[in-house]
Amino acid sequence: MAILDEARIHLEKALEIDPQFAEARLALAGWQLNFGKRSEAIRLLRESIAARPDLSEARLLLAEILLLDNQEVKAIEQLQKAADIDPNDLPSRRRLALILTNKGETKQAADLFQQVVEMDPLDGEAHLLLGMLLEHPDDYKRALLLFQIAADIMPEDYRPRYQMAELLLRGEYTDAEGNLVTSPDKPSALKHLHATLNLAPKHGAANLRVGEILLDKGDTRAAKRHFTKALEDHDSAGRAYLSLVKLGFEAKKADAAFRFLNKAVSHPDARGDALVTRADYFIRNDECVNAEKDLQEAVTFFVEKERLLLEESDRAAANANFARARRLNEDAFEARRAQGPAWGHLGRIKLKAGKKNEAILYFEKALQANSAMDECRFELALLLENTKRDEEALEHFEAVLNVNWSHAETHFRLGERALAEKNHDKAKMHFLIVTDIVPSHRKAKARLKKLG
């Protein structure tokens, strides 16, 4: 403390001798900041900048204080001025790039990080962050190279390796003609994921990814080991529990799977899917009240998720990050499609309770969310048959076949309708298709015998 006081005295004397001594004011501002005197530090820094506008260290420190006071716009202004005044000012550019990254202004941030890596080719962190900002398929190879450089510069850092794996798994790039190609490279990604886990064994997302790849390859035991490891990372635990739920049900260990389901529900990243899966379990065990509660919560969850993703997509588009905006929009579409199974289950619960009008309403909501749900569309068509909406029923039956030509029961219903209209050739055609799909279909065989 005595040394600091002595330093302050010397700095104040220096300013008495030369009031324009900007560096002394900068040093004195740092002293004031150490003792929590922000307003005094700001005054000294502004005086220092007024005396020497090119003193970038003063602008950088002032920007940091302004950020602490939630004055982001003013902080950005100081950093931008420092960068404009000094073409070789690396710290200000780096700090400004980080702020703009957090604001979602990725294009400007990427331009600044590009300047940083050109000024300091050994700045591994800048290479890593620049690669993460290059989300457009046009930049696929460039981003991969940046991550490789970052990995070479920072050999003990797991992040560049994990980012390489994610990029390879996404596999989106443009070919020579400018067409979007999606071709995930799982073998190469797996190598980088293992390298990530060698450096960070508890990396939840990496364990999840490895588990998913191994599960696709049929190595259930190894996949389960990685999913279990992912439980140690709170951010990945929800998806890990869901993966273990699937393995539990497949192994006919329903009790263990149900325990995992209850845990998955408490994690935001897995909540919606976990609620629908748990509701399905309740339905199979005739616990319709519990199922209905979970399904209503799942719908609410997915609706909110879709809204948030669309808002984030709009922000990305406003910041000219159109690749990210597209992916977020696709995620929002998936959140909407995920509402379909929940509405479909609710429709079946109402149908089982004899509430046909409510069942129709829920089936319609399911199809609005996910038009490809052929079984749900078939059930709706059955409910609409022989009502004032019989023509809609026919349209739904035909739509089922557009999605799934092998839906035997739809062919049977269309055969029945043709038979009622005395169109025997058409009826025979549909019944023959039914017996091709399901050779043991007794009703279709009986109809064909009658027609014969």
Protein backbone atom coordinates (compact mmCIF):
# COMPACT_ATOMS: atom_id res chain seq x y z
CA MET A 1 0.00 0.00 0.00
CA ALA A 2 2.83 2.41 0.87
CA ILE A 3 4.49 1.73 -2.48
CA LEU A 4 1.22 2.46 -4.31
CA ASP A 5 0.75 5.71 -2.40
CA GLU A 6 4.29 6.72 -3.23
CA ALA A 7 3.66 5.96 -6.90
CA ARG A 8 0.50 8.10 -6.82
CA ILE A 9 2.43 11.00 -5.29
CA HIS A 10 5.08 10.80 -8.03
CA LEU A 11 2.40 10.70 -10.75
CA GLU A 12 0.60 13.72 -9.30
CA LYS A 13 3.91 15.65 -9.15
CA ALA A 14 4.59 14.72 -12.76
CA LEU A 15 1.23 16.21 -13.73
CA GLU A 16 1.99 19.40 -11.80
CA ILE A 17 5.17 19.76 -13.83
CA ASP A 18 3.51 18.84 -17.15
CA PRO A 19 -0.32 19.00 -17.14
CA GLN A 20 -0.35 17.49 -20.63
CA PHE A 21 1.53 14.34 -19.54
CA ALA A 22 -1.06 11.87 -20.86
CA GLU A 23 0.80 8.70 -19.80
CA ALA A 24 0.89 9.94 -16.19
CA ARG A 25 -2.87 10.48 -16.24
CA LEU A 26 -3.33 6.97 -17.69
CA ALA A 27 -1.22 5.45 -14.90
CA LEU A 28 -3.03 7.50 -12.26
CA ALA A 29 -6.39 6.37 -13.68
CA GLY A 30 -5.26 2.77 -13.24
CA TRP A 31 -4.38 3.53 -9.61
CA GLN A 32 -7.82 5.07 -9.00
CA LEU A 33 -9.49 2.06 -10.62
CA ASN A 34 -7.63 -0.33 -8.30
CA PHE A 35 -9.31 1.41 -5.39
CA GLY A 36 -12.75 1.31 -6.98
CA LYS A 37 -12.86 5.00 -7.90
CA ARG A 38 -14.40 4.54 -11.36
CA SER A 39 -15.69 8.07 -11.89
CA GLU A 40 -12.29 9.57 -11.03
CA ALA A 41 -10.58 7.04 -13.34
CA ILE A 42 -12.95 7.95 -16.19
CA ARG A 43 -12.21 11.67 -15.71
CA LEU A 44 -8.47 11.07 -15.84
CA LEU A 45 -8.74 8.84 -18.90
CA ARG A 46 -10.83 11.38 -20.79
CA GLU A 47 -8.26 14.07 -19.95
CA SER A 48 -5.49 11.72 -21.10
CA ILE A 49 -7.28 11.09 -24.42
CA ALA A 50 -7.89 14.81 -24.90
CA ALA A 51 -4.17 15.43 -24.44
CA ARG A 52 -3.15 12.51 -26.67
CA PRO A 53 -5.94 11.18 -28.92
CA ASP A 54 -3.64 8.44 -30.25
CA LEU A 55 -3.02 6.91 -26.80
CA SER A 56 -4.87 3.66 -27.47
CA GLU A 57 -4.10 2.21 -24.02
CA ALA A 58 -6.22 4.98 -22.48
CA ARG A 59 -9.12 4.33 -24.85
CA LEU A 60 -8.90 0.58 -24.18
CA LEU A 61 -9.01 1.05 -20.40
CA LEU A 62 -11.83 3.58 -20.70
CA ALA A 63 -13.79 1.11 -22.83
CA GLU A 64 -13.37 -1.60 -20.19
CA ILE A 65 -14.71 0.72 -17.48
CA LEU A 66 -17.63 1.78 -19.67
CA LEU A 67 -18.49 -1.88 -20.24
CA LEU A 68 -18.55 -2.39 -16.46
CA ASP A 69 -21.04 0.49 -16.30
CA ASN A 70 -23.19 -1.10 -19.08
CA GLN A 71 -22.31 1.69 -21.53
CA GLU A 72 -21.59 -0.65 -24.43
CA VAL A 73 -22.21 1.86 -27.22
CA LYS A 74 -19.72 4.35 -25.77
CA ALA A 75 -17.19 1.57 -25.18
CA ILE A 76 -17.46 0.47 -28.81
CA GLU A 77 -17.00 4.07 -29.90
CA GLN A 78 -13.71 4.35 -27.98
CA LEU A 79 -12.38 1.05 -29.32
CA GLN A 80 -13.35 1.93 -32.88
CA LYS A 81 -11.58 5.29 -32.60
CA ALA A 82 -8.46 3.56 -31.26
CA ALA A 83 -8.50 1.14 -34.19
CA ASP A 84 -9.07 3.94 -36.70
CA ILE A 85 -6.23 6.07 -35.30
CA ASP A 86 -3.65 3.28 -35.08
CA PRO A 87 -3.67 0.69 -37.91
CA ASN A 88 -1.42 -1.54 -35.78
CA ASP A 89 -3.53 -1.42 -32.61
CA LEU A 90 -4.15 -5.13 -32.01
CA PRO A 91 -5.62 -5.08 -28.43
CA SER A 92 -8.42 -2.65 -29.33
CA ARG A 93 -9.36 -4.63 -32.43
CA ARG A 94 -9.37 -7.86 -30.47
CA ARG A 95 -11.56 -6.45 -27.69
CA LEU A 96 -13.92 -4.85 -30.18
CA ALA A 97 -14.23 -8.13 -32.08
CA LEU A 98 -15.21 -9.95 -28.87
CA ILE A 99 -17.88 -7.38 -28.07
CA LEU A 100 -19.34 -7.53 -31.57
CA THR A 101 -19.32 -11.34 -31.44
CA ASN A 102 -21.41 -11.26 -28.26
CA LYS A 103 -23.77 -8.80 -29.96
CA GLY A 104 -24.22 -11.19 -32.89
CA GLU A 105 -22.60 -8.79 -35.37
CA THR A 106 -20.56 -11.61 -36.84
CA LYS A 107 -19.51 -10.06 -40.13
CA GLN A 108 -17.84 -7.04 -38.49
CA ALA A 109 -16.35 -9.26 -35.78
CA ALA A 110 -14.92 -11.64 -38.39
CA ASP A 111 -13.34 -8.72 -40.28
CA LEU A 112 -11.65 -7.55 -37.09
CA PHE A 113 -10.40 -11.03 -36.15
CA GLN A 114 -9.02 -11.35 -39.68
CA GLN A 115 -6.98 -8.19 -39.02
CA VAL A 116 -5.84 -9.64 -35.67
CA VAL A 117 -4.56 -12.91 -37.19
CA GLU A 118 -2.77 -10.96 -39.91
CA MET A 119 -1.06 -8.79 -37.25
CA ASP A 120 -0.29 -11.75 -34.99
CA PRO A 121 -0.18 -15.08 -36.89
CA LEU A 122 0.54 -16.90 -33.61
CA ASP A 123 -2.66 -15.77 -31.89
CA GLY A 124 -4.35 -19.17 -31.65
CA GLU A 125 -7.41 -17.81 -29.86
CA ALA A 126 -8.06 -15.35 -32.69
CA HIS A 127 -7.77 -18.14 -35.27
CA LEU A 128 -10.24 -20.23 -33.27
CA LEU A 129 -12.78 -17.43 -32.84
CA LEU A 130 -12.53 -16.37 -36.48
CA GLY A 131 -13.17 -19.97 -37.58
CA MET A 132 -16.25 -20.13 -35.33
CA LEU A 133 -17.62 -16.96 -36.92
CA LEU A 134 -17.29 -18.29 -40.48
CA GLU A 135 -20.59 -20.16 -40.65
CA HIS A 136 -21.31 -19.82 -44.35
CA PRO A 137 -20.82 -22.97 -46.47
CA ASP A 138 -18.52 -20.92 -48.75
CA ASP A 139 -16.08 -20.67 -45.83
CA TYR A 140 -16.02 -24.39 -44.97
CA LYS A 141 -12.41 -25.06 -46.00
CA ARG A 142 -11.18 -21.76 -44.62
CA ALA A 143 -12.80 -22.43 -41.22
CA LEU A 144 -11.32 -25.94 -41.13
CA LEU A 145 -7.86 -24.51 -41.83
CA LEU A 146 -8.26 -21.88 -39.07
CA PHE A 147 -9.21 -24.57 -36.55
CA GLN A 148 -6.21 -26.66 -37.59
CA ILE A 149 -3.88 -23.67 -37.14
CA ALA A 150 -5.44 -22.95 -33.73
CA ALA A 151 -4.91 -26.60 -32.75
CA ASP A 152 -1.25 -26.41 -33.81
CA ILE A 153 -0.68 -23.18 -31.88
CA MET A 154 -2.61 -24.37 -28.79
CA PRO A 155 -1.90 -28.13 -28.62
CA GLU A 156 -3.29 -28.45 -25.08
CA ASP A 157 -6.59 -26.71 -25.90
CA TYR A 158 -9.48 -29.06 -26.72
CA ARG A 159 -11.69 -26.37 -28.32
CA PRO A 160 -10.15 -26.27 -31.85
CA ARG A 161 -10.44 -30.04 -32.12
CA TYR A 162 -14.05 -30.04 -31.02
CA GLN A 163 -14.91 -27.24 -33.44
CA MET A 164 -13.30 -29.21 -36.28
CA ALA A 165 -15.46 -32.19 -35.36
CA GLU A 166 -18.64 -30.11 -35.32
CA LEU A 167 -17.79 -28.57 -38.69
CA LEU A 168 -17.14 -31.99 -40.22
CA LEU A 169 -20.36 -33.42 -38.77
CA ARG A 170 -22.36 -30.51 -40.17
CA GLY A 171 -20.61 -31.08 -43.49
CA GLU A 172 -22.13 -28.08 -45.28
CA TYR A 173 -20.06 -26.61 -48.11
CA THR A 174 -20.54 -25.20 -51.59
CA ASP A 175 -19.19 -27.01 -54.62
CA ALA A 176 -17.43 -25.47 -57.64
CA GLU A 177 -20.79 -24.50 -59.16
CA GLY A 178 -21.93 -22.80 -55.95
CA ASN A 179 -24.43 -25.50 -54.98
CA LEU A 180 -24.98 -26.31 -51.31
CA VAL A 181 -23.68 -29.79 -50.46
CA THR A 182 -24.33 -31.56 -47.17
CA SER A 183 -21.91 -34.43 -46.66
CA PRO A 184 -20.97 -35.16 -43.01
CA ASP A 185 -17.55 -36.76 -42.56
CA LYS A 186 -18.14 -38.93 -39.49
CA PRO A 187 -14.85 -40.88 -39.55
CA SER A 188 -12.74 -37.69 -39.55
CA ALA A 189 -15.03 -36.06 -36.99
CA LEU A 190 -14.69 -39.09 -34.72
CA LYS A 191 -10.88 -38.72 -34.73
CA HIS A 192 -11.17 -35.09 -33.61
CA LEU A 193 -13.77 -36.00 -30.99
CA HIS A 194 -11.43 -38.60 -29.52
CA ALA A 195 -8.65 -35.99 -29.53
CA THR A 196 -11.03 -33.64 -27.68
CA LEU A 197 -11.76 -36.30 -25.06
CA ASN A 198 -8.05 -37.04 -24.62
CA LEU A 199 -7.62 -33.40 -23.57
CA ALA A 200 -10.99 -33.01 -21.79
CA PRO A 201 -12.40 -36.44 -20.79
CA LYS A 202 -15.51 -34.88 -19.23
CA HIS A 203 -16.48 -32.85 -22.31
CA GLY A 204 -20.21 -33.60 -22.38
CA ALA A 205 -21.00 -32.59 -25.96
CA ALA A 206 -18.04 -34.58 -27.31
CA ASN A 207 -19.10 -37.67 -25.35
CA LEU A 208 -22.61 -37.29 -26.72
CA ARG A 209 -21.37 -37.01 -30.29
CA VAL A 210 -19.10 -40.02 -29.95
CA GLY A 211 -21.93 -42.02 -28.39
CA GLU A 212 -24.30 -41.15 -31.26
CA ILE A 213 -21.73 -42.16 -33.90
CA LEU A 214 -20.95 -45.43 -32.12
CA LEU A 215 -24.66 -46.17 -31.76
CA ASP A 216 -25.10 -45.75 -35.53
CA LYS A 217 -22.27 -48.25 -35.99
CA GLY A 218 -24.06 -50.74 -33.73
CA ASP A 219 -21.62 -50.52 -30.79
CA THR A 220 -24.28 -50.14 -28.10
CA ARG A 221 -22.04 -50.91 -25.14
CA ALA A 222 -19.43 -48.26 -26.04
CA ALA A 223 -22.16 -45.75 -26.88
CA LYS A 224 -23.77 -46.28 -23.48
CA ARG A 225 -20.41 -45.69 -21.80
CA HIS A 226 -20.05 -42.30 -23.52
CA PHE A 227 -23.67 -41.29 -22.79
CA THR A 228 -23.09 -42.12 -19.11
CA LYS A 229 -19.93 -40.01 -19.14
CA ALA A 230 -21.87 -37.10 -20.69
CA LEU A 231 -24.15 -37.08 -17.61
CA GLU A 232 -21.29 -35.47 -15.68
CA ASP A 233 -21.67 -32.31 -17.80
CA HIS A 234 -24.87 -30.50 -16.83
CA ASP A 235 -25.21 -28.85 -20.24
CA SER A 236 -25.24 -32.25 -21.96
CA ALA A 237 -26.99 -34.34 -19.31
CA GLY A 238 -30.51 -33.88 -20.73
CA ARG A 239 -29.68 -35.29 -24.16
CA ALA A 240 -27.57 -38.02 -22.55
CA TYR A 241 -30.49 -39.11 -20.38
CA LEU A 242 -32.71 -39.27 -23.48
CA SER A 243 -30.18 -41.46 -25.27
CA LEU A 244 -30.03 -43.78 -22.25
CA VAL A 245 -33.84 -43.87 -22.19
CA LYS A 246 -33.86 -45.17 -25.76
CA LEU A 247 -31.27 -47.82 -24.93
CA GLY A 248 -33.19 -48.79 -21.80
CA PHE A 249 -36.47 -49.35 -23.64
CA GLU A 250 -34.70 -51.29 -26.41
CA ALA A 251 -33.13 -53.53 -23.76
CA LYS A 252 -36.61 -53.94 -22.18
CA LYS A 253 -35.45 -52.28 -18.98
CA ALA A 254 -38.51 -50.06 -18.62
CA ASP A 255 -38.01 -49.13 -14.95
CA ALA A 256 -34.48 -47.83 -15.51
CA ALA A 257 -35.57 -46.02 -18.69
CA PHE A 258 -38.45 -44.35 -16.84
CA ARG A 259 -36.08 -43.11 -14.10
CA PHE A 260 -33.86 -41.56 -16.77
CA LEU A 261 -36.95 -39.99 -18.37
CA ASN A 262 -37.90 -38.24 -15.13
CA LYS A 263 -34.39 -36.78 -14.95
CA ALA A 264 -34.37 -35.73 -18.62
CA VAL A 265 -37.58 -33.72 -18.11
CA SER A 266 -35.76 -31.36 -15.73
CA HIS A 267 -33.19 -30.34 -18.38
CA PRO A 268 -34.27 -27.52 -20.75
CA ASP A 269 -32.39 -28.90 -23.77
CA ALA A 270 -34.28 -32.22 -23.57
CA ARG A 271 -37.51 -31.26 -21.82
CA GLY A 272 -39.88 -31.26 -24.81
CA ASP A 273 -38.77 -34.61 -26.24
CA ALA A 274 -38.63 -36.14 -22.77
CA LEU A 275 -42.21 -35.06 -22.00
CA VAL A 276 -43.52 -36.61 -25.24
CA THR A 277 -41.57 -39.83 -24.61
CA ARG A 278 -42.83 -40.03 -21.04
CA ALA A 279 -46.39 -39.40 -22.21
CA ASP A 280 -46.05 -42.27 -24.67
CA TYR A 281 -44.96 -44.48 -21.76
CA PHE A 282 -47.98 -43.34 -19.72
CA ILE A 283 -50.35 -44.07 -22.63
CA ARG A 284 -48.98 -47.60 -23.01
CA ASN A 285 -49.65 -48.10 -19.29
CA ASP A 286 -53.19 -46.58 -19.41
CA GLU A 287 -52.20 -43.51 -17.38
CA CYS A 288 -53.96 -41.06 -19.69
CA VAL A 289 -54.32 -38.25 -17.12
CA ASN A 290 -50.55 -38.09 -16.57
CA ALA A 291 -49.96 -38.43 -20.32
CA GLU A 292 -52.28 -35.54 -21.15
CA LYS A 293 -50.55 -33.28 -18.63
CA ASP A 294 -47.10 -34.06 -20.12
CA LEU A 295 -48.34 -33.55 -23.68
CA GLN A 296 -49.85 -30.14 -22.93
CA GLU A 297 -46.57 -29.08 -21.30
CA ALA A 298 -44.63 -30.40 -24.29
CA VAL A 299 -46.72 -28.37 -26.74
CA THR A 300 -46.17 -25.21 -24.68
CA PHE A 301 -42.43 -25.93 -24.58
CA PHE A 302 -42.13 -26.44 -28.35
CA VAL A 303 -44.24 -23.38 -29.19
CA GLU A 304 -41.97 -21.19 -27.05
CA LYS A 305 -38.85 -22.82 -28.47
CA GLU A 306 -40.03 -22.12 -32.01
CA ARG A 307 -40.71 -18.48 -31.15
CA LEU A 308 -37.27 -17.95 -29.60
CA LEU A 309 -35.48 -19.64 -32.51
CA LEU A 310 -37.34 -17.50 -35.05
CA GLU A 311 -36.43 -14.34 -33.13
CA GLU A 312 -32.78 -15.42 -33.04
CA SER A 313 -32.93 -16.21 -36.75
CA ASP A 314 -34.27 -12.72 -37.46
CA ARG A 315 -31.42 -11.17 -35.46
CA ALA A 316 -28.85 -13.23 -37.35
CA ALA A 317 -30.36 -12.13 -40.67
CA ALA A 318 -30.34 -8.49 -39.53
CA ASN A 319 -26.61 -8.87 -38.84
CA ALA A 320 -26.06 -10.35 -42.33
CA ASN A 321 -25.27 -13.82 -40.98
CA PHE A 322 -27.62 -15.54 -43.40
CA ALA A 323 -26.12 -19.02 -43.00
CA ARG A 324 -26.81 -18.94 -39.27
CA ALA A 325 -30.25 -17.44 -39.88
CA ARG A 326 -31.09 -20.33 -42.21
CA ARG A 327 -29.97 -22.97 -39.71
CA LEU A 328 -31.90 -21.33 -36.88
CA ASN A 329 -34.96 -21.18 -39.10
CA GLU A 330 -34.56 -24.90 -39.81
CA ASP A 331 -34.32 -25.55 -36.05
CA ALA A 332 -37.49 -23.52 -35.53
CA PHE A 333 -39.22 -25.62 -38.19
CA GLU A 334 -38.12 -28.78 -36.33
CA ALA A 335 -39.54 -27.35 -33.09
CA ARG A 336 -42.84 -26.83 -34.91
CA ARG A 337 -42.78 -30.36 -36.33
CA ALA A 338 -42.09 -31.70 -32.82
CA GLN A 339 -45.50 -30.35 -31.75
CA GLY A 340 -47.15 -32.83 -34.14
CA PRO A 341 -46.65 -36.05 -32.13
CA ALA A 342 -47.84 -34.29 -28.95
CA TRP A 343 -51.08 -33.12 -30.59
CA GLY A 344 -51.51 -36.56 -32.17
CA HIS A 345 -51.27 -38.32 -28.81
CA LEU A 346 -53.75 -35.85 -27.33
CA GLY A 347 -56.13 -36.63 -30.18
CA ARG A 348 -55.93 -40.37 -29.48
CA ILE A 349 -56.56 -39.79 -25.77
CA LYS A 350 -59.69 -37.77 -26.58
CA LEU A 351 -60.81 -40.39 -29.11
CA LYS A 352 -60.40 -43.13 -26.51
CA ALA A 353 -62.57 -41.06 -24.15
CA GLY A 354 -65.27 -40.81 -26.85
CA LYS A 355 -64.71 -37.08 -27.43
CA LYS A 356 -64.62 -37.15 -31.23
CA ASN A 357 -64.89 -33.39 -31.84
CA GLU A 358 -61.92 -32.68 -29.57
CA ALA A 359 -60.00 -35.53 -31.19
CA ILE A 360 -60.62 -34.01 -34.64
CA LEU A 361 -59.37 -30.63 -33.40
CA TYR A 362 -56.16 -32.13 -31.99
CA PHE A 363 -55.49 -34.24 -35.10
CA GLU A 364 -55.87 -31.10 -37.23
CA LYS A 365 -53.40 -29.25 -35.01
CA ALA A 366 -50.99 -32.16 -35.33
CA LEU A 367 -51.13 -31.96 -39.13
CA GLN A 368 -50.73 -28.18 -39.10
CA ALA A 369 -47.50 -28.70 -37.15
CA ASN A 370 -46.30 -31.73 -39.14
CA SER A 371 -48.08 -32.53 -42.39
CA ALA A 372 -46.09 -35.75 -42.88
CA MET A 373 -47.82 -37.61 -40.02
CA ASP A 374 -49.63 -40.16 -42.18
CA GLU A 375 -51.05 -42.22 -39.29
CA CYS A 376 -52.53 -39.11 -37.70
CA ARG A 377 -54.01 -38.04 -41.06
CA PHE A 378 -55.54 -41.54 -41.50
CA GLU A 379 -57.16 -41.37 -38.05
CA LEU A 380 -58.56 -37.92 -38.86
CA ALA A 381 -59.92 -39.19 -42.19
CA LEU A 382 -61.72 -42.04 -40.40
CA LEU A 383 -63.38 -39.55 -38.06
CA LEU A 384 -64.49 -37.33 -40.95
CA GLU A 385 -65.96 -40.17 -43.01
CA ASN A 386 -69.74 -40.22 -43.38
CA THR A 387 -70.05 -36.71 -41.89
CA LYS A 388 -70.62 -33.36 -43.51
CA ARG A 389 -66.87 -33.32 -44.11
CA ASP A 390 -66.75 -36.60 -46.03
CA GLU A 391 -65.03 -34.95 -49.02
CA GLU A 392 -62.24 -33.82 -46.69
CA ALA A 393 -61.92 -37.41 -45.51
CA LEU A 394 -61.27 -38.52 -49.11
CA GLU A 395 -58.65 -35.78 -49.52
CA HIS A 396 -56.91 -36.95 -46.35
CA PHE A 397 -56.91 -40.60 -47.45
CA GLU A 398 -55.31 -39.59 -50.76
CA ALA A 399 -52.79 -37.39 -48.95
CA VAL A 400 -51.77 -40.35 -46.78
CA LEU A 401 -50.84 -42.31 -49.90
CA ASN A 402 -48.85 -39.34 -51.22
CA VAL A 403 -46.66 -39.61 -48.12
CA ASN A 404 -46.81 -43.39 -47.64
CA TRP A 405 -48.02 -45.43 -50.60
CA SER A 406 -47.70 -48.65 -48.58
CA HIS A 407 -50.31 -47.64 -45.97
CA ALA A 408 -52.49 -50.77 -46.29
CA GLU A 409 -55.47 -49.55 -44.26
CA THR A 410 -55.81 -46.42 -46.38
CA HIS A 411 -55.96 -48.54 -49.53
CA PHE A 412 -58.58 -50.69 -47.81
CA ARG A 413 -60.73 -47.65 -46.94
CA LEU A 414 -60.44 -46.31 -50.49
CA GLY A 415 -61.42 -49.76 -51.75
CA GLU A 416 -64.46 -49.73 -49.47
CA ARG A 417 -65.46 -46.29 -50.74
CA ALA A 418 -65.06 -47.40 -54.36
CA LEU A 419 -67.13 -50.50 -53.60
CA ALA A 420 -69.90 -48.34 -52.13
CA GLU A 421 -69.87 -46.30 -55.34
CA LYS A 422 -70.07 -49.57 -57.35
CA ASN A 423 -66.70 -48.84 -58.96
CA HIS A 424 -65.62 -52.46 -58.81
CA ASP A 425 -62.43 -52.11 -60.86
CA LYS A 426 -61.10 -49.36 -58.59
CA ALA A 427 -62.14 -51.28 -55.48
CA LYS A 428 -60.44 -54.44 -56.74
CA MET A 429 -57.24 -52.49 -57.44
CA HIS A 430 -57.06 -51.14 -53.87
CA PHE A 431 -57.86 -54.53 -52.28
CA LEU A 432 -55.16 -56.19 -54.40
CA ILE A 433 -52.66 -53.57 -53.20
CA VAL A 434 -53.69 -54.32 -49.61
CA THR A 435 -53.00 -58.04 -50.07
CA ASP A 436 -49.66 -57.25 -51.71
CA ILE A 437 -48.68 -55.23 -48.63
CA VAL A 438 -50.32 -57.50 -46.05
CA PRO A 439 -50.91 -60.97 -47.59
CA SER A 440 -52.86 -62.13 -44.51
CA HIS A 441 -55.34 -59.20 -44.55
CA ARG A 442 -58.60 -61.14 -44.08
CA LYS A 443 -61.04 -58.35 -44.87
CA ALA A 444 -59.30 -57.44 -48.15
CA LYS A 445 -59.20 -61.12 -49.18
CA ALA A 446 -62.91 -61.45 -48.37
CA ARG A 447 -63.73 -58.40 -50.51
CA LEU A 448 -61.71 -59.76 -53.43
CA LYS A 449 -63.45 -63.11 -53.14
CA LYS A 450 -66.81 -61.35 -53.21
CA LEU A 451 -65.80 -59.26 -56.22
CA GLY A 452 -64.50 -62.35 -57.99
